[in-house]
C-alpha atoms as a PDB file:
ATOM      1  CA  MET A   1      -0.015  -0.017   0.011  1.00  0.00           C
ATOM      2  CA  PRO A   2       1.455   3.427  -0.903  1.00  0.00           C
ATOM      3  CA  TYR A   3       2.310   5.695   1.906  1.00  0.00           C
ATOM      4  CA  GLU A   4       3.571   9.247   2.345  1.00  0.00           C
ATOM      5  CA  PRO A   5       7.195   9.393   3.382  1.00  0.00           C
ATOM      6  CA  PRO A   6       8.000  11.020   6.739  1.00  0.00           C
ATOM      7  CA  THR A   7       9.088  14.686   6.752  1.00  0.00           C
ATOM      8  CA  HIS A   8      10.982  17.116   9.028  1.00  0.00           C
ATOM      9  CA  THR A   9       7.866  19.314   9.386  1.00  0.00           C
ATOM     10  CA  VAL A  10       7.456  18.819  13.189  1.00  0.00           C
ATOM     11  CA  GLU A  11      11.142  19.224  13.850  1.00  0.00           C
ATOM     12  CA  ARG A  12      11.277  22.395  11.835  1.00  0.00           C
ATOM     13  CA  SER A  13       8.311  23.733  13.831  1.00  0.00           C
ATOM     14  CA  LEU A  14       9.953  22.872  17.118  1.00  0.00           C
ATOM     15  CA  ARG A  15      13.211  24.546  16.065  1.00  0.00           C
ATOM     16  CA  ALA A  16      11.364  27.694  14.977  1.00  0.00           C
ATOM     17  CA  THR A  17       9.019  27.996  17.966  1.00  0.00           C
ATOM     18  CA  THR A  18      11.288  26.791  20.827  1.00  0.00           C
ATOM     19  CA  GLY A  19      14.783  27.473  19.569  1.00  0.00           C
ATOM     20  CA  ALA A  20      15.725  23.820  19.980  1.00  0.00           C
ATOM     21  CA  ARG A  21      18.889  22.865  18.247  1.00  0.00           C
ATOM     22  CA  THR A  22      18.922  19.125  18.986  1.00  0.00           C
ATOM     23  CA  VAL A  23      15.577  17.309  18.530  1.00  0.00           C
ATOM     24  CA  ALA A  24      15.206  13.556  19.316  1.00  0.00           C
ATOM     25  CA  GLY A  25      12.499  11.331  17.893  1.00  0.00           C
ATOM     26  CA  VAL A  26      11.298   8.676  20.345  1.00  0.00           C
ATOM     27  CA  ASP A  27       9.325   5.504  19.743  1.00  0.00           C
ATOM     28  CA  GLU A  28       8.712   2.296  21.702  1.00  0.00           C
ATOM     29  CA  VAL A  29       8.152  -1.422  20.943  1.00  0.00           C
ATOM     30  CA  GLY A  30       6.906  -4.175  23.157  1.00  0.00           C
ATOM     31  CA  ARG A  31       4.208  -2.302  25.009  1.00  0.00           C
ATOM     32  CA  GLY A  32       1.547  -5.020  24.313  1.00  0.00           C
ATOM     33  CA  ALA A  33       3.772  -8.019  24.608  1.00  0.00           C
ATOM     34  CA  TRP A  34       3.318 -10.784  27.223  1.00  0.00           C
ATOM     35  CA  ALA A  35       7.040 -11.396  27.620  1.00  0.00           C
ATOM     36  CA  GLY A  36      10.261  -9.406  27.296  1.00  0.00           C
ATOM     37  CA  PRO A  37      11.106  -5.805  27.981  1.00  0.00           C
ATOM     38  CA  VAL A  38       9.565  -2.656  26.565  1.00  0.00           C
ATOM     39  CA  THR A  39      12.215  -1.044  24.414  1.00  0.00           C
ATOM     40  CA  VAL A  40      12.542   2.608  23.491  1.00  0.00           C
ATOM     41  CA  CYS A  41      14.789   4.242  20.882  1.00  0.00           C
ATOM     42  CA  ALA A  42      15.748   7.812  20.814  1.00  0.00           C
ATOM     43  CA  ALA A  43      17.124   9.007  17.442  1.00  0.00           C
ATOM     44  CA  VAL A  44      18.581  12.305  16.341  1.00  0.00           C
ATOM     45  CA  THR A  45      18.612  12.774  12.596  1.00  0.00           C
ATOM     46  CA  GLY A  46      18.941  16.545  11.945  1.00  0.00           C
ATOM     47  CA  LEU A  47      17.275  17.782   8.796  1.00  0.00           C
ATOM     48  CA  ARG A  48      18.988  15.591   6.275  1.00  0.00           C
ATOM     49  CA  ARG A  49      17.198  13.635   3.635  1.00  0.00           C
ATOM     50  CA  PRO A  50      16.271  10.157   5.019  1.00  0.00           C
ATOM     51  CA  PRO A  51      17.089   6.847   3.415  1.00  0.00           C
ATOM     52  CA  GLU A  52      14.647   5.677   0.751  1.00  0.00           C
ATOM     53  CA  GLY A  53      11.730   3.708   2.040  1.00  0.00           C
ATOM     54  CA  LEU A  54      11.825   4.959   5.637  1.00  0.00           C
ATOM     55  CA  THR A  55       8.439   4.740   7.384  1.00  0.00           C
ATOM     56  CA  ASP A  56       6.757   3.339  10.482  1.00  0.00           C
ATOM     57  CA  SER A  57       8.356  -0.093  11.244  1.00  0.00           C
ATOM     58  CA  LYS A  58       4.899  -1.692  11.319  1.00  0.00           C
ATOM     59  CA  LEU A  59       4.365  -0.831   7.647  1.00  0.00           C
ATOM     60  CA  LEU A  60       7.563  -2.625   6.586  1.00  0.00           C
ATOM     61  CA  THR A  61       8.054  -6.323   6.135  1.00  0.00           C
ATOM     62  CA  PRO A  62      10.535  -8.081   8.464  1.00  0.00           C
ATOM     63  CA  ARG A  63      12.959  -8.422   5.555  1.00  0.00           C
ATOM     64  CA  ARG A  64      12.768  -4.741   4.653  1.00  0.00           C
ATOM     65  CA  ARG A  65      13.168  -3.651   8.345  1.00  0.00           C
ATOM     66  CA  ALA A  66      16.267  -5.894   8.605  1.00  0.00           C
ATOM     67  CA  GLU A  67      17.713  -4.304   5.453  1.00  0.00           C
ATOM     68  CA  LEU A  68      16.944  -0.711   6.520  1.00  0.00           C
ATOM     69  CA  GLU A  69      18.075  -0.944  10.145  1.00  0.00           C
ATOM     70  CA  PRO A  70      21.871  -1.039   9.607  1.00  0.00           C
ATOM     71  CA  VAL A  71      21.524   1.764   7.050  1.00  0.00           C
ATOM     72  CA  LEU A  72      19.703   3.878   9.690  1.00  0.00           C
ATOM     73  CA  ARG A  73      22.206   3.116  12.347  1.00  0.00           C
ATOM     74  CA  SER A  74      24.940   4.573  10.119  1.00  0.00           C
ATOM     75  CA  TRP A  75      22.790   7.407   8.819  1.00  0.00           C
ATOM     76  CA  VAL A  76      21.347   8.925  12.036  1.00  0.00           C
ATOM     77  CA  THR A  77      23.377  11.644  13.838  1.00  0.00           C
ATOM     78  CA  ALA A  78      22.959   9.631  17.028  1.00  0.00           C
ATOM     79  CA  TYR A  79      20.712   7.047  18.668  1.00  0.00           C
ATOM     80  CA  ALA A  80      20.404   5.198  21.923  1.00  0.00           C
ATOM     81  CA  LEU A  81      18.240   2.388  23.197  1.00  0.00           C
ATOM     82  CA  GLY A  82      16.648   2.086  26.624  1.00  0.00           C
ATOM     83  CA  GLU A  83      14.684  -0.763  28.155  1.00  0.00           C
ATOM     84  CA  ALA A  84      12.520  -1.577  31.144  1.00  0.00           C
ATOM     85  CA  SER A  85      12.482  -5.238  32.157  1.00  0.00           C
ATOM     86  CA  PRO A  86       9.417  -7.415  32.692  1.00  0.00           C
ATOM     87  CA  GLN A  87      10.005  -7.165  36.417  1.00  0.00           C
ATOM     88  CA  GLU A  88      10.237  -3.355  36.285  1.00  0.00           C
ATOM     89  CA  ILE A  89       6.967  -3.323  34.279  1.00  0.00           C
ATOM     90  CA  ASP A  90       5.300  -5.506  36.931  1.00  0.00           C
ATOM     91  CA  ASP A  91       6.600  -3.372  39.786  1.00  0.00           C
ATOM     92  CA  LEU A  92       6.062   0.100  38.287  1.00  0.00           C
ATOM     93  CA  GLY A  93       3.169  -0.304  35.804  1.00  0.00           C
ATOM     94  CA  MET A  94       3.548   0.221  32.059  1.00  0.00           C
ATOM     95  CA  THR A  95       3.392   4.042  32.037  1.00  0.00           C
ATOM     96  CA  ALA A  96       6.129   4.436  34.532  1.00  0.00           C
ATOM     97  CA  ALA A  97       8.170   1.659  32.841  1.00  0.00           C
ATOM     98  CA  LEU A  98       7.888   3.415  29.527  1.00  0.00           C
ATOM     99  CA  ARG A  99       9.102   6.624  31.032  1.00  0.00           C
ATOM    100  CA  LEU A 100      12.062   4.746  32.584  1.00  0.00           C
ATOM    101  CA  ALA A 101      13.001   3.130  29.312  1.00  0.00           C
ATOM    102  CA  ALA A 102      12.634   6.454  27.431  1.00  0.00           C
ATOM    103  CA  VAL A 103      14.750   8.335  29.923  1.00  0.00           C
ATOM    104  CA  ARG A 104      17.418   5.637  29.726  1.00  0.00           C
ATOM    105  CA  ALA A 105      17.387   6.089  25.924  1.00  0.00           C
ATOM    106  CA  LEU A 106      17.500   9.855  26.009  1.00  0.00           C
ATOM    107  CA  GLU A 107      20.263   9.940  28.634  1.00  0.00           C
ATOM    108  CA  GLY A 108      22.243   7.512  26.428  1.00  0.00           C
ATOM    109  CA  LEU A 109      22.512  10.094  23.595  1.00  0.00           C
ATOM    110  CA  PRO A 110      25.836  11.889  23.432  1.00  0.00           C
ATOM    111  CA  VAL A 111      24.061  15.231  23.590  1.00  0.00           C
ATOM    112  CA  ARG A 112      20.954  15.905  25.720  1.00  0.00           C
ATOM    113  CA  PRO A 113      18.154  16.912  23.268  1.00  0.00           C
ATOM    114  CA  ASP A 114      16.559  20.327  23.582  1.00  0.00           C
ATOM    115  CA  ALA A 115      13.162  18.854  22.519  1.00  0.00           C
ATOM    116  CA  VAL A 116      11.567  15.457  21.993  1.00  0.00           C
ATOM    117  CA  ILE A 117       9.044  14.268  19.381  1.00  0.00           C
ATOM    118  CA  LEU A 118       7.088  11.446  21.025  1.00  0.00           C
ATOM    119  CA  ASP A 119       4.969   9.024  19.071  1.00  0.00           C
ATOM    120  CA  GLY A 120       1.340   8.886  20.197  1.00  0.00           C
ATOM    121  CA  LYS A 121      -1.074  11.226  21.970  1.00  0.00           C
ATOM    122  CA  HIS A 122       0.050  10.711  25.609  1.00  0.00           C
ATOM    123  CA  ASP A 123       3.194  12.358  27.059  1.00  0.00           C
ATOM    124  CA  TYR A 124       4.604   9.599  29.305  1.00  0.00           C
ATOM    125  CA  LEU A 125       7.887  11.521  29.712  1.00  0.00           C
ATOM    126  CA  GLY A 126       6.749  14.780  31.318  1.00  0.00           C
ATOM    127  CA  VAL A 127       9.070  17.341  32.958  1.00  0.00           C
ATOM    128  CA  PRO A 128      11.861  18.256  32.638  1.00  0.00           C
ATOM    129  CA  TRP A 129      11.677  17.047  29.001  1.00  0.00           C
ATOM    130  CA  LYS A 130      10.180  19.403  26.356  1.00  0.00           C
ATOM    131  CA  VAL A 131       7.877  17.076  24.548  1.00  0.00           C
ATOM    132  CA  ARG A 132       5.751  17.334  21.380  1.00  0.00           C
ATOM    133  CA  THR A 133       3.398  14.402  21.007  1.00  0.00           C
ATOM    134  CA  VAL A 134       2.458  13.431  17.474  1.00  0.00           C
ATOM    135  CA  ILE A 135      -0.208  10.843  16.667  1.00  0.00           C
ATOM    136  CA  LYS A 136       1.279   8.384  14.085  1.00  0.00           C
ATOM    137  CA  GLY A 137       4.575  10.239  14.422  1.00  0.00           C
ATOM    138  CA  ASP A 138       6.263   7.042  13.420  1.00  0.00           C
ATOM    139  CA  GLN A 139       4.727   7.563   9.956  1.00  0.00           C
ATOM    140  CA  SER A 140       5.014  11.329   9.667  1.00  0.00           C
ATOM    141  CA  CYS A 141       8.225  12.329  11.412  1.00  0.00           C
ATOM    142  CA  VAL A 142      11.676  11.266  10.125  1.00  0.00           C
ATOM    143  CA  ALA A 143      13.317  10.960  13.550  1.00  0.00           C
ATOM    144  CA  VAL A 144      10.469   9.004  15.066  1.00  0.00           C
ATOM    145  CA  ALA A 145      10.279   6.665  12.021  1.00  0.00           C
ATOM    146  CA  ALA A 146      14.012   5.979  12.310  1.00  0.00           C
ATOM    147  CA  ALA A 147      13.598   5.235  16.028  1.00  0.00           C
ATOM    148  CA  SER A 148      10.712   2.910  15.344  1.00  0.00           C
ATOM    149  CA  VAL A 149      12.731   0.755  12.898  1.00  0.00           C
ATOM    150  CA  ILE A 150      15.825   0.630  15.125  1.00  0.00           C
ATOM    151  CA  ALA A 151      13.799  -0.251  18.246  1.00  0.00           C
ATOM    152  CA  LYS A 152      11.702  -2.901  16.425  1.00  0.00           C
ATOM    153  CA  VAL A 153      14.648  -4.777  14.812  1.00  0.00           C
ATOM    154  CA  HIS A 154      16.723  -4.622  18.027  1.00  0.00           C
ATOM    155  CA  ARG A 155      13.922  -5.973  20.191  1.00  0.00           C
ATOM    156  CA  ASP A 156      12.825  -8.694  17.687  1.00  0.00           C
ATOM    157  CA  ARG A 157      16.364  -9.893  17.356  1.00  0.00           C
ATOM    158  CA  MET A 158      16.876  -9.935  21.123  1.00  0.00           C
ATOM    159  CA  MET A 159      13.655 -11.957  21.668  1.00  0.00           C
ATOM    160  CA  ALA A 160      14.632 -14.473  18.985  1.00  0.00           C
ATOM    161  CA  GLU A 161      18.085 -14.929  20.538  1.00  0.00           C
ATOM    162  CA  LEU A 162      16.480 -15.389  23.949  1.00  0.00           C
ATOM    163  CA  GLY A 163      14.230 -18.098  22.624  1.00  0.00           C
ATOM    164  CA  ALA A 164      17.132 -19.900  20.932  1.00  0.00           C
ATOM    165  CA  ALA A 165      19.513 -19.610  23.883  1.00  0.00           C
ATOM    166  CA  SER A 166      17.236 -20.447  26.656  1.00  0.00           C
ATOM    167  CA  GLU A 167      15.673 -23.891  27.117  1.00  0.00           C
ATOM    168  CA  ASP A 168      13.132 -22.296  29.336  1.00  0.00           C
ATOM    169  CA  CYS A 169      11.852 -20.174  26.455  1.00  0.00           C
ATOM    170  CA  ALA A 170      12.212 -22.548  23.518  1.00  0.00           C
ATOM    171  CA  HIS A 171       8.526 -23.458  23.478  1.00  0.00           C
ATOM    172  CA  PHE A 172       7.115 -19.951  23.237  1.00  0.00           C
ATOM    173  CA  ALA A 173       8.217 -19.255  19.633  1.00  0.00           C
ATOM    174  CA  PHE A 174       9.730 -15.862  20.518  1.00  0.00           C
ATOM    175  CA  GLU A 175      11.503 -15.951  17.138  1.00  0.00           C
ATOM    176  CA  ALA A 176       8.060 -15.679  15.479  1.00  0.00           C
ATOM    177  CA  ASN A 177       6.052 -13.585  17.922  1.00  0.00           C
ATOM    178  CA  ALA A 178       8.718 -11.538  19.792  1.00  0.00           C
ATOM    179  CA  GLY A 179       6.798 -12.204  23.055  1.00  0.00           C
ATOM    180  CA  TYR A 180       3.511 -10.889  21.731  1.00  0.00           C
ATOM    181  CA  PRO A 181       0.205 -12.902  21.914  1.00  0.00           C
ATOM    182  CA  SER A 182      -0.042 -15.798  19.420  1.00  0.00           C
ATOM    183  CA  PRO A 183      -1.717 -19.210  19.483  1.00  0.00           C
ATOM    184  CA  VAL A 184       1.649 -21.021  19.951  1.00  0.00           C
ATOM    185  CA  HIS A 185       2.615 -18.669  22.741  1.00  0.00           C
ATOM    186  CA  ARG A 186      -0.730 -19.131  24.486  1.00  0.00           C
ATOM    187  CA  ALA A 187      -0.608 -22.858  24.223  1.00  0.00           C
ATOM    188  CA  ALA A 188       2.897 -23.009  25.689  1.00  0.00           C
ATOM    189  CA  LEU A 189       1.810 -20.790  28.544  1.00  0.00           C
ATOM    190  CA  GLU A 190      -1.084 -23.098  29.273  1.00  0.00           C
ATOM    191  CA  GLU A 191       1.166 -26.156  29.370  1.00  0.00           C
ATOM    192  CA  ARG A 192       4.296 -24.764  30.978  1.00  0.00           C
ATOM    193  CA  GLY A 193       3.398 -21.527  32.707  1.00  0.00           C
ATOM    194  CA  PRO A 194       5.299 -18.268  32.365  1.00  0.00           C
ATOM    195  CA  SER A 195       9.029 -18.059  32.245  1.00  0.00           C
ATOM    196  CA  ALA A 196      11.317 -15.651  34.059  1.00  0.00           C
ATOM    197  CA  HIS A 197      10.928 -13.327  31.085  1.00  0.00           C
ATOM    198  CA  HIS A 198       7.079 -12.973  31.221  1.00  0.00           C
ATOM    199  CA  ARG A 199       5.155 -10.132  32.681  1.00  0.00           C
ATOM    200  CA  LEU A 200       3.308 -11.517  35.649  1.00  0.00           C
ATOM    201  CA  SER A 201       0.965  -8.573  36.119  1.00  0.00           C
ATOM    202  CA  TRP A 202      -0.546  -8.981  32.631  1.00  0.00           C
ATOM    203  CA  ALA A 203      -4.118 -10.040  32.012  1.00  0.00           C
ATOM    204  CA  TYR A 204      -3.238 -13.224  30.065  1.00  0.00           C
ATOM    205  CA  LEU A 205      -2.803 -15.036  33.399  1.00  0.00           C
ATOM    206  CA  ASP A 206      -6.474 -14.511  34.113  1.00  0.00           C
ATOM    207  CA  ALA A 207      -7.229 -17.069  31.412  1.00  0.00           C
ATOM    208  CA  LEU A 208      -4.743 -19.585  32.761  1.00  0.00           C
ATOM    209  CA  PRO A 209      -6.327 -21.076  35.998  1.00  0.00           C
ATOM    210  CA  ARG A 210      -3.331 -23.378  36.551  1.00  0.00           C
ATOM    211  CA  TRP A 211      -0.935 -20.461  36.808  1.00  0.00           C
ATOM    212  CA  GLN A 212      -3.104 -17.725  38.257  1.00  0.00           C
ATOM    213  CA  HIS A 213      -1.371 -18.037  41.616  1.00  0.00           C
ATOM    214  CA  LEU A 214       1.721 -16.431  40.041  1.00  0.00           C
ATOM    215  CA  LYS A 215       0.019 -13.248  39.028  1.00  0.00           C
ATOM    216  CA  LYS A 216       1.306 -10.047  40.552  1.00  0.00           C
ATOM    217  CA  VAL A 217      -1.251  -7.480  41.770  1.00  0.00           C
ATOM    218  CA  ARG A 218      -0.910  -4.173  39.926  1.00  0.00           C
ATOM    219  CA  ILE A 219      -0.175  -1.048  41.729  1.00  0.00           C
ATOM    220  CA  SER A 220      -3.591   0.611  41.293  1.00  0.00           C
ATOM    221  CA  ALA A 221      -6.784   0.473  39.303  1.00  0.00           C
ATOM    222  CA  GLU A 222      -5.579   3.572  37.326  1.00  0.00           C
ATOM    223  CA  ALA A 223      -2.309   1.781  36.424  1.00  0.00           C
ATOM    224  CA  ALA A 224      -4.217  -1.365  35.346  1.00  0.00           C
ATOM    225  CA  ALA A 225      -6.445   0.690  33.124  1.00  0.00           C
ATOM    226  CA  LEU A 226      -3.450   2.457  31.490  1.00  0.00           C
ATOM    227  CA  GLU A 227      -1.759  -0.883  30.900  1.00  0.00           C
ATOM    228  CA  SER A 228      -4.667  -2.855  29.586  1.00  0.00           C
ATOM    229  CA  GLY A 229      -4.672  -1.494  26.072  1.00  0.00           C
ATOM    230  CA  GLY A 230      -3.155  -3.897  23.520  1.00  0.00           C
ATOM    231  CA  GLN A 231      -2.434  -6.799  25.884  1.00  0.00           C
ATOM    232  CA  LEU A 232      -4.850  -9.301  24.359  1.00  0.00           C
ATOM    233  CA  GLY A 233      -4.513  -8.440  20.677  1.00  0.00           C
ATOM    234  CA  PHE A 234      -2.749 -10.609  18.106  1.00  0.00           C
ATOM    235  CA  GLU A 235      -0.946  -7.847  16.181  1.00  0.00           C
ATOM    236  CA  PHE A 236       2.811  -8.187  15.981  1.00  0.00           C
END
């Protein structure tokens, strides 16, 4: 399906209205997974013309993402990755875990950005960061699109390696689902229960009577409501 390539429009606006010189695009992957960390990439691209075919990672085939990712790593001015572990997600809730991962990514950049373009409509970063949220920013903003591809390929690769290296994870097909819901993943959970890499506060355990005793109680009803979106879908 044809798509409009991302632009620097939002970054140019931020530069003009705030005086920002360094602008980072931020995107996450793994929010709705049952297992594995949530991963955030912060990318600084400047105003250069992006590599051909750059767009939201979800619009690219796995093969195309894998081809584009090393090109982007070399092309961006700077990038850094940050993660929050399944245990941190369980302890803090997803919103706080996202912020933790994003701050780790932003603080990993060689230069602290003056402004951040954050994919989505909710600012989970907050002060002291100067944030512009953009719905579908991973499609429309060059830096966010670059961050989305780098984050997606990194996390997918990590989850595949985890499944291959750990006998405890071999049955969950992480190489195919990256820890997201899938029939094979669900069947393995029913038979074997969650591994050390699964999120134990997630709603999937409600449908697994044999393993419900392992479920961690979430911090609050508000946190549970914020985290519930996307948990039970089959999009990955």
